[in-house]
Amino acid sequence: VAMTLQTSFLTPPMGPAIFFIQGVNQD
């Protein structure tokens, strides 16, 4: 379950980690 959640945090289009990256560097 932990690894599955980790995957969902990365997976487009809704992965939270993706929006953390764009929030830090909008370029």
mmCIF file of all heavy atoms, coordinates in Angstrom:
data_MODEL
# 
_entry.id   MODEL 
# 
loop_
_atom_site.group_PDB 
_atom_site.id 
_atom_site.type_symbol 
_atom_site.label_atom_id 
_atom_site.label_alt_id 
_atom_site.label_comp_id 
_atom_site.label_asym_id 
_atom_site.label_entity_id 
_atom_site.label_seq_id 
_atom_site.pdbx_PDB_ins_code 
_atom_site.Cartn_x 
_atom_site.Cartn_y 
_atom_site.Cartn_z 
_atom_site.occupancy 
_atom_site.B_iso_or_equiv 
_atom_site.pdbx_formal_charge 
_atom_site.auth_seq_id 
_atom_site.auth_comp_id 
_atom_site.auth_asym_id 
_atom_site.auth_atom_id 
_atom_site.pdbx_PDB_model_num 
ATOM 1   N N   . VAL A 1 1  ? 0.838  -1.202 0.000   1.00 0.00 ? 1  VAL A N   1 
ATOM 2   C CA  . VAL A 1 1  ? 0.000  0.000  0.000   1.00 0.00 ? 1  VAL A CA  1 
ATOM 3   C C   . VAL A 1 1  ? 0.873  1.253  0.000   1.00 0.00 ? 1  VAL A C   1 
ATOM 4   O O   . VAL A 1 1  ? 0.596  2.221  -0.726  1.00 0.00 ? 1  VAL A O   1 
ATOM 5   C CB  . VAL A 1 1  ? -0.943 -0.002 1.221   1.00 0.00 ? 1  VAL A CB  1 
ATOM 6   C CG1 . VAL A 1 1  ? -1.645 1.348  1.362   1.00 0.00 ? 1  VAL A CG1 1 
ATOM 7   C CG2 . VAL A 1 1  ? -1.988 -1.100 1.086   1.00 0.00 ? 1  VAL A CG2 1 
ATOM 8   N N   . ALA A 1 2  ? 1.949  1.250  0.802   1.00 0.00 ? 2  ALA A N   1 
ATOM 9   C CA  . ALA A 1 2  ? 2.842  2.410  0.859   1.00 0.00 ? 2  ALA A CA  1 
ATOM 10  C C   . ALA A 1 2  ? 3.469  2.678  -0.510  1.00 0.00 ? 2  ALA A C   1 
ATOM 11  O O   . ALA A 1 2  ? 3.535  3.832  -0.964  1.00 0.00 ? 2  ALA A O   1 
ATOM 12  C CB  . ALA A 1 2  ? 3.928  2.187  1.908   1.00 0.00 ? 2  ALA A CB  1 
ATOM 13  N N   . MET A 1 3  ? 3.926  1.627  -1.188  1.00 0.00 ? 3  MET A N   1 
ATOM 14  C CA  . MET A 1 3  ? 4.536  1.806  -2.513  1.00 0.00 ? 3  MET A CA  1 
ATOM 15  C C   . MET A 1 3  ? 3.495  2.247  -3.542  1.00 0.00 ? 3  MET A C   1 
ATOM 16  O O   . MET A 1 3  ? 3.792  3.031  -4.449  1.00 0.00 ? 3  MET A O   1 
ATOM 17  C CB  . MET A 1 3  ? 5.203  0.505  -2.951  1.00 0.00 ? 3  MET A CB  1 
ATOM 18  C CG  . MET A 1 3  ? 6.398  0.106  -2.097  1.00 0.00 ? 3  MET A CG  1 
ATOM 19  S SD  . MET A 1 3  ? 7.206  -1.401 -2.664  1.00 0.00 ? 3  MET A SD  1 
ATOM 20  C CE  . MET A 1 3  ? 7.999  -0.829 -4.156  1.00 0.00 ? 3  MET A CE  1 
ATOM 21  N N   . THR A 1 4  ? 2.279  1.748  -3.421  1.00 0.00 ? 4  THR A N   1 
ATOM 22  C CA  . THR A 1 4  ? 1.205  2.153  -4.347  1.00 0.00 ? 4  THR A CA  1 
ATOM 23  C C   . THR A 1 4  ? 0.876  3.629  -4.170  1.00 0.00 ? 4  THR A C   1 
ATOM 24  O O   . THR A 1 4  ? 0.690  4.367  -5.146  1.00 0.00 ? 4  THR A O   1 
ATOM 25  C CB  . THR A 1 4  ? -0.049 1.298  -4.110  1.00 0.00 ? 4  THR A CB  1 
ATOM 26  O OG1 . THR A 1 4  ? 0.280  -0.083 -4.259  1.00 0.00 ? 4  THR A OG1 1 
ATOM 27  C CG2 . THR A 1 4  ? -1.140 1.665  -5.093  1.00 0.00 ? 4  THR A CG2 1 
ATOM 28  N N   . LEU A 1 5  ? 0.802  4.074  -2.915  1.00 0.00 ? 5  LEU A N   1 
ATOM 29  C CA  . LEU A 1 5  ? 0.557  5.495  -2.657  1.00 0.00 ? 5  LEU A CA  1 
ATOM 30  C C   . LEU A 1 5  ? 1.686  6.350  -3.209  1.00 0.00 ? 5  LEU A C   1 
ATOM 31  O O   . LEU A 1 5  ? 1.454  7.415  -3.790  1.00 0.00 ? 5  LEU A O   1 
ATOM 32  C CB  . LEU A 1 5  ? 0.404  5.726  -1.151  1.00 0.00 ? 5  LEU A CB  1 
ATOM 33  C CG  . LEU A 1 5  ? -0.929 5.316  -0.528  1.00 0.00 ? 5  LEU A CG  1 
ATOM 34  C CD1 . LEU A 1 5  ? -0.873 5.456  0.980   1.00 0.00 ? 5  LEU A CD1 1 
ATOM 35  C CD2 . LEU A 1 5  ? -2.066 6.148  -1.090  1.00 0.00 ? 5  LEU A CD2 1 
ATOM 36  N N   . GLN A 1 6  ? 2.919  5.883  -3.029  1.00 0.00 ? 6  GLN A N   1 
ATOM 37  C CA  . GLN A 1 6  ? 4.059  6.621  -3.559  1.00 0.00 ? 6  GLN A CA  1 
ATOM 38  C C   . GLN A 1 6  ? 3.955  6.766  -5.069  1.00 0.00 ? 6  GLN A C   1 
ATOM 39  O O   . GLN A 1 6  ? 4.263  7.825  -5.631  1.00 0.00 ? 6  GLN A O   1 
ATOM 40  C CB  . GLN A 1 6  ? 5.349  5.892  -3.179  1.00 0.00 ? 6  GLN A CB  1 
ATOM 41  C CG  . GLN A 1 6  ? 6.625  6.614  -3.590  1.00 0.00 ? 6  GLN A CG  1 
ATOM 42  C CD  . GLN A 1 6  ? 7.865  5.809  -3.253  1.00 0.00 ? 6  GLN A CD  1 
ATOM 43  O OE1 . GLN A 1 6  ? 7.778  4.741  -2.651  1.00 0.00 ? 6  GLN A OE1 1 
ATOM 44  N NE2 . GLN A 1 6  ? 9.013  6.309  -3.644  1.00 0.00 ? 6  GLN A NE2 1 
ATOM 45  N N   . THR A 1 7  ? 3.497  5.707  -5.737  1.00 0.00 ? 7  THR A N   1 
ATOM 46  C CA  . THR A 1 7  ? 3.331  5.765  -7.188  1.00 0.00 ? 7  THR A CA  1 
ATOM 47  C C   . THR A 1 7  ? 2.240  6.757  -7.588  1.00 0.00 ? 7  THR A C   1 
ATOM 48  O O   . THR A 1 7  ? 2.401  7.528  -8.544  1.00 0.00 ? 7  THR A O   1 
ATOM 49  C CB  . THR A 1 7  ? 2.974  4.368  -7.731  1.00 0.00 ? 7  THR A CB  1 
ATOM 50  O OG1 . THR A 1 7  ? 3.955  3.423  -7.300  1.00 0.00 ? 7  THR A OG1 1 
ATOM 51  C CG2 . THR A 1 7  ? 2.925  4.367  -9.242  1.00 0.00 ? 7  THR A CG2 1 
ATOM 52  N N   . SER A 1 8  ? 1.136  6.763  -6.849  1.00 0.00 ? 8  SER A N   1 
ATOM 53  C CA  . SER A 1 8  ? 0.042  7.681  -7.191  1.00 0.00 ? 8  SER A CA  1 
ATOM 54  C C   . SER A 1 8  ? 0.446  9.134  -6.975  1.00 0.00 ? 8  SER A C   1 
ATOM 55  O O   . SER A 1 8  ? -0.042 10.031 -7.666  1.00 0.00 ? 8  SER A O   1 
ATOM 56  C CB  . SER A 1 8  ? -1.198 7.350  -6.358  1.00 0.00 ? 8  SER A CB  1 
ATOM 57  O OG  . SER A 1 8  ? -0.995 7.617  -4.989  1.00 0.00 ? 8  SER A OG  1 
ATOM 58  N N   . PHE A 1 9  ? 1.363  9.386  -6.024  1.00 0.00 ? 9  PHE A N   1 
ATOM 59  C CA  . PHE A 1 9  ? 1.830  10.760 -5.806  1.00 0.00 ? 9  PHE A CA  1 
ATOM 60  C C   . PHE A 1 9  ? 2.672  11.266 -6.975  1.00 0.00 ? 9  PHE A C   1 
ATOM 61  O O   . PHE A 1 9  ? 2.845  12.471 -7.143  1.00 0.00 ? 9  PHE A O   1 
ATOM 62  C CB  . PHE A 1 9  ? 2.657  10.847 -4.521  1.00 0.00 ? 9  PHE A CB  1 
ATOM 63  C CG  . PHE A 1 9  ? 1.856  10.585 -3.276  1.00 0.00 ? 9  PHE A CG  1 
ATOM 64  C CD1 . PHE A 1 9  ? 2.456  10.045 -2.154  1.00 0.00 ? 9  PHE A CD1 1 
ATOM 65  C CD2 . PHE A 1 9  ? 0.507  10.871 -3.218  1.00 0.00 ? 9  PHE A CD2 1 
ATOM 66  C CE1 . PHE A 1 9  ? 1.724  9.795  -1.006  1.00 0.00 ? 9  PHE A CE1 1 
ATOM 67  C CE2 . PHE A 1 9  ? -0.236 10.625 -2.083  1.00 0.00 ? 9  PHE A CE2 1 
ATOM 68  C CZ  . PHE A 1 9  ? 0.373  10.090 -0.971  1.00 0.00 ? 9  PHE A CZ  1 
ATOM 69  N N   . LEU A 1 10 ? 3.199  10.323 -7.782  1.00 0.00 ? 10 LEU A N   1 
ATOM 70  C CA  . LEU A 1 10 ? 4.052  10.698 -8.914  1.00 0.00 ? 10 LEU A CA  1 
ATOM 71  C C   . LEU A 1 10 ? 3.308  10.706 -10.244 1.00 0.00 ? 10 LEU A C   1 
ATOM 72  O O   . LEU A 1 10 ? 3.731  11.369 -11.183 1.00 0.00 ? 10 LEU A O   1 
ATOM 73  C CB  . LEU A 1 10 ? 5.204  9.691  -9.036  1.00 0.00 ? 10 LEU A CB  1 
ATOM 74  C CG  . LEU A 1 10 ? 6.487  9.923  -8.257  1.00 0.00 ? 10 LEU A CG  1 
ATOM 75  C CD1 . LEU A 1 10 ? 7.465  8.787  -8.517  1.00 0.00 ? 10 LEU A CD1 1 
ATOM 76  C CD2 . LEU A 1 10 ? 7.124  11.242 -8.630  1.00 0.00 ? 10 LEU A CD2 1 
ATOM 77  N N   . THR A 1 11 ? 2.219  9.947  -10.332 1.00 0.00 ? 11 THR A N   1 
ATOM 78  C CA  . THR A 1 11 ? 1.611  9.660  -11.627 1.00 0.00 ? 11 THR A CA  1 
ATOM 79  C C   . THR A 1 11 ? 0.802  10.845 -12.167 1.00 0.00 ? 11 THR A C   1 
ATOM 80  O O   . THR A 1 11 ? -0.045 11.390 -11.458 1.00 0.00 ? 11 THR A O   1 
ATOM 81  C CB  . THR A 1 11 ? 0.679  8.435  -11.513 1.00 0.00 ? 11 THR A CB  1 
ATOM 82  O OG1 . THR A 1 11 ? 1.429  7.347  -10.972 1.00 0.00 ? 11 THR A OG1 1 
ATOM 83  C CG2 . THR A 1 11 ? 0.128  8.038  -12.870 1.00 0.00 ? 11 THR A CG2 1 
ATOM 84  N N   . PRO A 1 12 ? 1.061  11.255 -13.424 1.00 0.00 ? 12 PRO A N   1 
ATOM 85  C CA  . PRO A 1 12 ? 0.224  12.283 -14.055 1.00 0.00 ? 12 PRO A CA  1 
ATOM 86  C C   . PRO A 1 12 ? -1.197 11.779 -14.235 1.00 0.00 ? 12 PRO A C   1 
ATOM 87  O O   . PRO A 1 12 ? -1.414 10.560 -14.314 1.00 0.00 ? 12 PRO A O   1 
ATOM 88  C CB  . PRO A 1 12 ? 0.912  12.482 -15.414 1.00 0.00 ? 12 PRO A CB  1 
ATOM 89  C CG  . PRO A 1 12 ? 2.291  11.908 -15.261 1.00 0.00 ? 12 PRO A CG  1 
ATOM 90  C CD  . PRO A 1 12 ? 2.147  10.794 -14.272 1.00 0.00 ? 12 PRO A CD  1 
ATOM 91  N N   . PRO A 1 13 ? -2.198 12.650 -14.284 1.00 0.00 ? 13 PRO A N   1 
ATOM 92  C CA  . PRO A 1 13 ? -2.044 14.107 -14.264 1.00 0.00 ? 13 PRO A CA  1 
ATOM 93  C C   . PRO A 1 13 ? -2.189 14.741 -12.881 1.00 0.00 ? 13 PRO A C   1 
ATOM 94  O O   . PRO A 1 13 ? -2.019 15.937 -12.732 1.00 0.00 ? 13 PRO A O   1 
ATOM 95  C CB  . PRO A 1 13 ? -3.205 14.564 -15.158 1.00 0.00 ? 13 PRO A CB  1 
ATOM 96  C CG  . PRO A 1 13 ? -4.268 13.544 -14.892 1.00 0.00 ? 13 PRO A CG  1 
ATOM 97  C CD  . PRO A 1 13 ? -3.577 12.239 -14.644 1.00 0.00 ? 13 PRO A CD  1 
ATOM 98  N N   . MET A 1 14 ? -2.524 13.941 -11.847 1.00 0.00 ? 14 MET A N   1 
ATOM 99  C CA  . MET A 1 14 ? -2.897 14.516 -10.564 1.00 0.00 ? 14 MET A CA  1 
ATOM 100 C C   . MET A 1 14 ? -1.860 14.313 -9.467  1.00 0.00 ? 14 MET A C   1 
ATOM 101 O O   . MET A 1 14 ? -2.118 14.633 -8.316  1.00 0.00 ? 14 MET A O   1 
ATOM 102 C CB  . MET A 1 14 ? -4.230 13.898 -10.096 1.00 0.00 ? 14 MET A CB  1 
ATOM 103 C CG  . MET A 1 14 ? -5.388 14.101 -11.049 1.00 0.00 ? 14 MET A CG  1 
ATOM 104 S SD  . MET A 1 14 ? -5.878 15.822 -11.199 1.00 0.00 ? 14 MET A SD  1 
ATOM 105 C CE  . MET A 1 14 ? -6.555 16.106 -9.569  1.00 0.00 ? 14 MET A CE  1 
ATOM 106 N N   . GLY A 1 15 ? -0.704 13.733 -9.789  1.00 0.00 ? 15 GLY A N   1 
ATOM 107 C CA  . GLY A 1 15 ? 0.278  13.448 -8.752  1.00 0.00 ? 15 GLY A CA  1 
ATOM 108 C C   . GLY A 1 15 ? 0.693  14.695 -7.988  1.00 0.00 ? 15 GLY A C   1 
ATOM 109 O O   . GLY A 1 15 ? 1.170  15.670 -8.593  1.00 0.00 ? 15 GLY A O   1 
ATOM 110 N N   . PRO A 1 16 ? 0.545  14.717 -6.650  1.00 0.00 ? 16 PRO A N   1 
ATOM 111 C CA  . PRO A 1 16 ? 0.887  15.918 -5.867  1.00 0.00 ? 16 PRO A CA  1 
ATOM 112 C C   . PRO A 1 16 ? 2.339  16.357 -6.028  1.00 0.00 ? 16 PRO A C   1 
ATOM 113 O O   . PRO A 1 16 ? 2.635  17.557 -6.041  1.00 0.00 ? 16 PRO A O   1 
ATOM 114 C CB  . PRO A 1 16 ? 0.602  15.481 -4.423  1.00 0.00 ? 16 PRO A CB  1 
ATOM 115 C CG  . PRO A 1 16 ? -0.377 14.368 -4.540  1.00 0.00 ? 16 PRO A CG  1 
ATOM 116 C CD  . PRO A 1 16 ? -0.036 13.668 -5.809  1.00 0.00 ? 16 PRO A CD  1 
ATOM 117 N N   . ALA A 1 17 ? 3.282  15.393 -6.160  1.00 0.00 ? 17 ALA A N   1 
ATOM 118 C CA  . ALA A 1 17 ? 4.700  15.762 -6.288  1.00 0.00 ? 17 ALA A CA  1 
ATOM 119 C C   . ALA A 1 17 ? 4.938  16.608 -7.537  1.00 0.00 ? 17 ALA A C   1 
ATOM 120 O O   . ALA A 1 17 ? 5.824  17.472 -7.549  1.00 0.00 ? 17 ALA A O   1 
ATOM 121 C CB  . ALA A 1 17 ? 5.559  14.495 -6.328  1.00 0.00 ? 17 ALA A CB  1 
ATOM 122 N N   . ILE A 1 18 ? 4.149  16.372 -8.580  1.00 0.00 ? 18 ILE A N   1 
ATOM 123 C CA  . ILE A 1 18 ? 4.290  17.140 -9.822  1.00 0.00 ? 18 ILE A CA  1 
ATOM 124 C C   . ILE A 1 18 ? 3.994  18.611 -9.575  1.00 0.00 ? 18 ILE A C   1 
ATOM 125 O O   . ILE A 1 18 ? 4.721  19.508 -10.055 1.00 0.00 ? 18 ILE A O   1 
ATOM 126 C CB  . ILE A 1 18 ? 3.333  16.575 -10.895 1.00 0.00 ? 18 ILE A CB  1 
ATOM 127 C CG1 . ILE A 1 18 ? 3.757  15.156 -11.274 1.00 0.00 ? 18 ILE A CG1 1 
ATOM 128 C CG2 . ILE A 1 18 ? 3.284  17.481 -12.117 1.00 0.00 ? 18 ILE A CG2 1 
ATOM 129 C CD1 . ILE A 1 18 ? 2.771  14.437 -12.169 1.00 0.00 ? 18 ILE A CD1 1 
ATOM 130 N N   . PHE A 1 19 ? 2.963  18.887 -8.788  1.00 0.00 ? 19 PHE A N   1 
ATOM 131 C CA  . PHE A 1 19 ? 2.580  20.281 -8.541  1.00 0.00 ? 19 PHE A CA  1 
ATOM 132 C C   . PHE A 1 19 ? 3.504  20.945 -7.523  1.00 0.00 ? 19 PHE A C   1 
ATOM 133 O O   . PHE A 1 19 ? 3.668  22.166 -7.539  1.00 0.00 ? 19 PHE A O   1 
ATOM 134 C CB  . PHE A 1 19 ? 1.124  20.332 -8.089  1.00 0.00 ? 19 PHE A CB  1 
ATOM 135 C CG  . PHE A 1 19 ? 0.178  19.804 -9.133  1.00 0.00 ? 19 PHE A CG  1 
ATOM 136 C CD1 . PHE A 1 19 ? -0.396 18.549 -9.012  1.00 0.00 ? 19 PHE A CD1 1 
ATOM 137 C CD2 . PHE A 1 19 ? -0.105 20.549 -10.269 1.00 0.00 ? 19 PHE A CD2 1 
ATOM 138 C CE1 . PHE A 1 19 ? -1.252 18.057 -9.988  1.00 0.00 ? 19 PHE A CE1 1 
ATOM 139 C CE2 . PHE A 1 19 ? -0.956 20.064 -11.248 1.00 0.00 ? 19 PHE A CE2 1 
ATOM 140 C CZ  . PHE A 1 19 ? -1.530 18.816 -11.108 1.00 0.00 ? 19 PHE A CZ  1 
ATOM 141 N N   . PHE A 1 20 ? 4.133  20.139 -6.652  1.00 0.00 ? 20 PHE A N   1 
ATOM 142 C CA  . PHE A 1 20 ? 5.163  20.703 -5.779  1.00 0.00 ? 20 PHE A CA  1 
ATOM 143 C C   . PHE A 1 20 ? 6.321  21.236 -6.628  1.00 0.00 ? 20 PHE A C   1 
ATOM 144 O O   . PHE A 1 20 ? 6.854  22.321 -6.369  1.00 0.00 ? 20 PHE A O   1 
ATOM 145 C CB  . PHE A 1 20 ? 5.691  19.636 -4.806  1.00 0.00 ? 20 PHE A CB  1 
ATOM 146 C CG  . PHE A 1 20 ? 4.771  19.356 -3.656  1.00 0.00 ? 20 PHE A CG  1 
ATOM 147 C CD1 . PHE A 1 20 ? 4.453  18.057 -3.317  1.00 0.00 ? 20 PHE A CD1 1 
ATOM 148 C CD2 . PHE A 1 20 ? 4.231  20.380 -2.886  1.00 0.00 ? 20 PHE A CD2 1 
ATOM 149 C CE1 . PHE A 1 20 ? 3.609  17.769 -2.256  1.00 0.00 ? 20 PHE A CE1 1 
ATOM 150 C CE2 . PHE A 1 20 ? 3.390  20.119 -1.832  1.00 0.00 ? 20 PHE A CE2 1 
ATOM 151 C CZ  . PHE A 1 20 ? 3.079  18.813 -1.515  1.00 0.00 ? 20 PHE A CZ  1 
ATOM 152 N N   . ILE A 1 21 ? 6.721  20.444 -7.645  1.00 0.00 ? 21 ILE A N   1 
ATOM 153 C CA  . ILE A 1 21 ? 7.829  20.853 -8.515  1.00 0.00 ? 21 ILE A CA  1 
ATOM 154 C C   . ILE A 1 21 ? 7.476  22.129 -9.266  1.00 0.00 ? 21 ILE A C   1 
ATOM 155 O O   . ILE A 1 21 ? 8.264  23.086 -9.324  1.00 0.00 ? 21 ILE A O   1 
ATOM 156 C CB  . ILE A 1 21 ? 8.167  19.728 -9.521  1.00 0.00 ? 21 ILE A CB  1 
ATOM 157 C CG1 . ILE A 1 21 ? 8.692  18.485 -8.792  1.00 0.00 ? 21 ILE A CG1 1 
ATOM 158 C CG2 . ILE A 1 21 ? 9.191  20.213 -10.544 1.00 0.00 ? 21 ILE A CG2 1 
ATOM 159 C CD1 . ILE A 1 21 ? 10.012 18.674 -8.123  1.00 0.00 ? 21 ILE A CD1 1 
ATOM 160 N N   . GLN A 1 22 ? 6.286  22.160 -9.850  1.00 0.00 ? 22 GLN A N   1 
ATOM 161 C CA  . GLN A 1 22 ? 5.910  23.347 -10.610 1.00 0.00 ? 22 GLN A CA  1 
ATOM 162 C C   . GLN A 1 22 ? 5.742  24.562 -9.710  1.00 0.00 ? 22 GLN A C   1 
ATOM 163 O O   . GLN A 1 22 ? 6.033  25.692 -10.118 1.00 0.00 ? 22 GLN A O   1 
ATOM 164 C CB  . GLN A 1 22 ? 4.618  23.099 -11.390 1.00 0.00 ? 22 GLN A CB  1 
ATOM 165 C CG  . GLN A 1 22 ? 4.377  24.182 -12.438 1.00 0.00 ? 22 GLN A CG  1 
ATOM 166 C CD  . GLN A 1 22 ? 3.118  23.958 -13.229 1.00 0.00 ? 22 GLN A CD  1 
ATOM 167 O OE1 . GLN A 1 22 ? 2.085  23.631 -12.667 1.00 0.00 ? 22 GLN A OE1 1 
ATOM 168 N NE2 . GLN A 1 22 ? 3.192  24.156 -14.536 1.00 0.00 ? 22 GLN A NE2 1 
ATOM 169 N N   . GLY A 1 23 ? 5.323  24.342 -8.475  1.00 0.00 ? 23 GLY A N   1 
ATOM 170 C CA  . GLY A 1 23 ? 5.203  25.458 -7.544  1.00 0.00 ? 23 GLY A CA  1 
ATOM 171 C C   . GLY A 1 23 ? 6.540  26.070 -7.190  1.00 0.00 ? 23 GLY A C   1 
ATOM 172 O O   . GLY A 1 23 ? 6.652  27.283 -6.992  1.00 0.00 ? 23 GLY A O   1 
ATOM 173 N N   . VAL A 1 24 ? 7.581  25.241 -7.138  1.00 0.00 ? 24 VAL A N   1 
ATOM 174 C CA  . VAL A 1 24 ? 8.919  25.733 -6.808  1.00 0.00 ? 24 VAL A CA  1 
ATOM 175 C C   . VAL A 1 24 ? 9.567  26.399 -8.014  1.00 0.00 ? 24 VAL A C   1 
ATOM 176 O O   . VAL A 1 24 ? 10.209 27.432 -7.898  1.00 0.00 ? 24 VAL A O   1 
ATOM 177 C CB  . VAL A 1 24 ? 9.800  24.576 -6.286  1.00 0.00 ? 24 VAL A CB  1 
ATOM 178 C CG1 . VAL A 1 24 ? 11.252 25.021 -6.145  1.00 0.00 ? 24 VAL A CG1 1 
ATOM 179 C CG2 . VAL A 1 24 ? 9.269  24.075 -4.951  1.00 0.00 ? 24 VAL A CG2 1 
ATOM 180 N N   . ASN A 1 25 ? 9.418  25.793 -9.205  1.00 0.00 ? 25 ASN A N   1 
ATOM 181 C CA  . ASN A 1 25 ? 10.048 26.318 -10.417 1.00 0.00 ? 25 ASN A CA  1 
ATOM 182 C C   . ASN A 1 25 ? 9.005  26.384 -11.531 1.00 0.00 ? 25 ASN A C   1 
ATOM 183 O O   . ASN A 1 25 ? 8.763  25.403 -12.232 1.00 0.00 ? 25 ASN A O   1 
ATOM 184 C CB  . ASN A 1 25 ? 11.225 25.423 -10.827 1.00 0.00 ? 25 ASN A CB  1 
ATOM 185 C CG  . ASN A 1 25 ? 12.119 26.081 -11.857 1.00 0.00 ? 25 ASN A CG  1 
ATOM 186 O OD1 . ASN A 1 25 ? 11.655 26.832 -12.713 1.00 0.00 ? 25 ASN A OD1 1 
ATOM 187 N ND2 . ASN A 1 25 ? 13.414 25.808 -11.785 1.00 0.00 ? 25 ASN A ND2 1 
ATOM 188 N N   . GLN A 1 26 ? 8.390  27.537 -11.696 1.00 0.00 ? 26 GLN A N   1 
ATOM 189 C CA  . GLN A 1 26 ? 7.318  27.689 -12.675 1.00 0.00 ? 26 GLN A CA  1 
ATOM 190 C C   . GLN A 1 26 ? 7.832  27.826 -14.103 1.00 0.00 ? 26 GLN A C   1 
ATOM 191 O O   . GLN A 1 26 ? 7.046  27.886 -15.039 1.00 0.00 ? 26 GLN A O   1 
ATOM 192 C CB  . GLN A 1 26 ? 6.457  28.892 -12.311 1.00 0.00 ? 26 GLN A CB  1 
ATOM 193 C CG  . GLN A 1 26 ? 5.756  28.737 -10.964 1.00 0.00 ? 26 GLN A CG  1 
ATOM 194 C CD  . GLN A 1 26 ? 4.885  29.928 -10.616 1.00 0.00 ? 26 GLN A CD  1 
ATOM 195 O OE1 . GLN A 1 26 ? 4.812  30.890 -11.357 1.00 0.00 ? 26 GLN A OE1 1 
ATOM 196 N NE2 . GLN A 1 26 ? 4.230  29.851 -9.465  1.00 0.00 ? 26 GLN A NE2 1 
ATOM 197 N N   . ASP A 1 27 ? 9.171  27.869 -14.268 1.00 0.00 ? 27 ASP A N   1 
ATOM 198 C CA  . ASP A 1 27 ? 9.744  27.950 -15.614 1.00 0.00 ? 27 ASP A CA  1 
ATOM 199 C C   . ASP A 1 27 ? 9.675  26.598 -16.333 1.00 0.00 ? 27 ASP A C   1 
ATOM 200 O O   . ASP A 1 27 ? 9.852  26.534 -17.547 1.00 0.00 ? 27 ASP A O   1 
ATOM 201 C CB  . ASP A 1 27 ? 11.204 28.409 -15.545 1.00 0.00 ? 27 ASP A CB  1 
ATOM 202 C CG  . ASP A 1 27 ? 11.319 29.844 -15.049 1.00 0.00 ? 27 ASP A CG  1 
ATOM 203 O OD1 . ASP A 1 27 ? 10.352 30.598 -15.241 1.00 0.00 ? 27 ASP A OD1 1 
ATOM 204 O OD2 . ASP A 1 27 ? 12.358 30.198 -14.463 1.00 0.00 ? 27 ASP A OD2 1 
# 
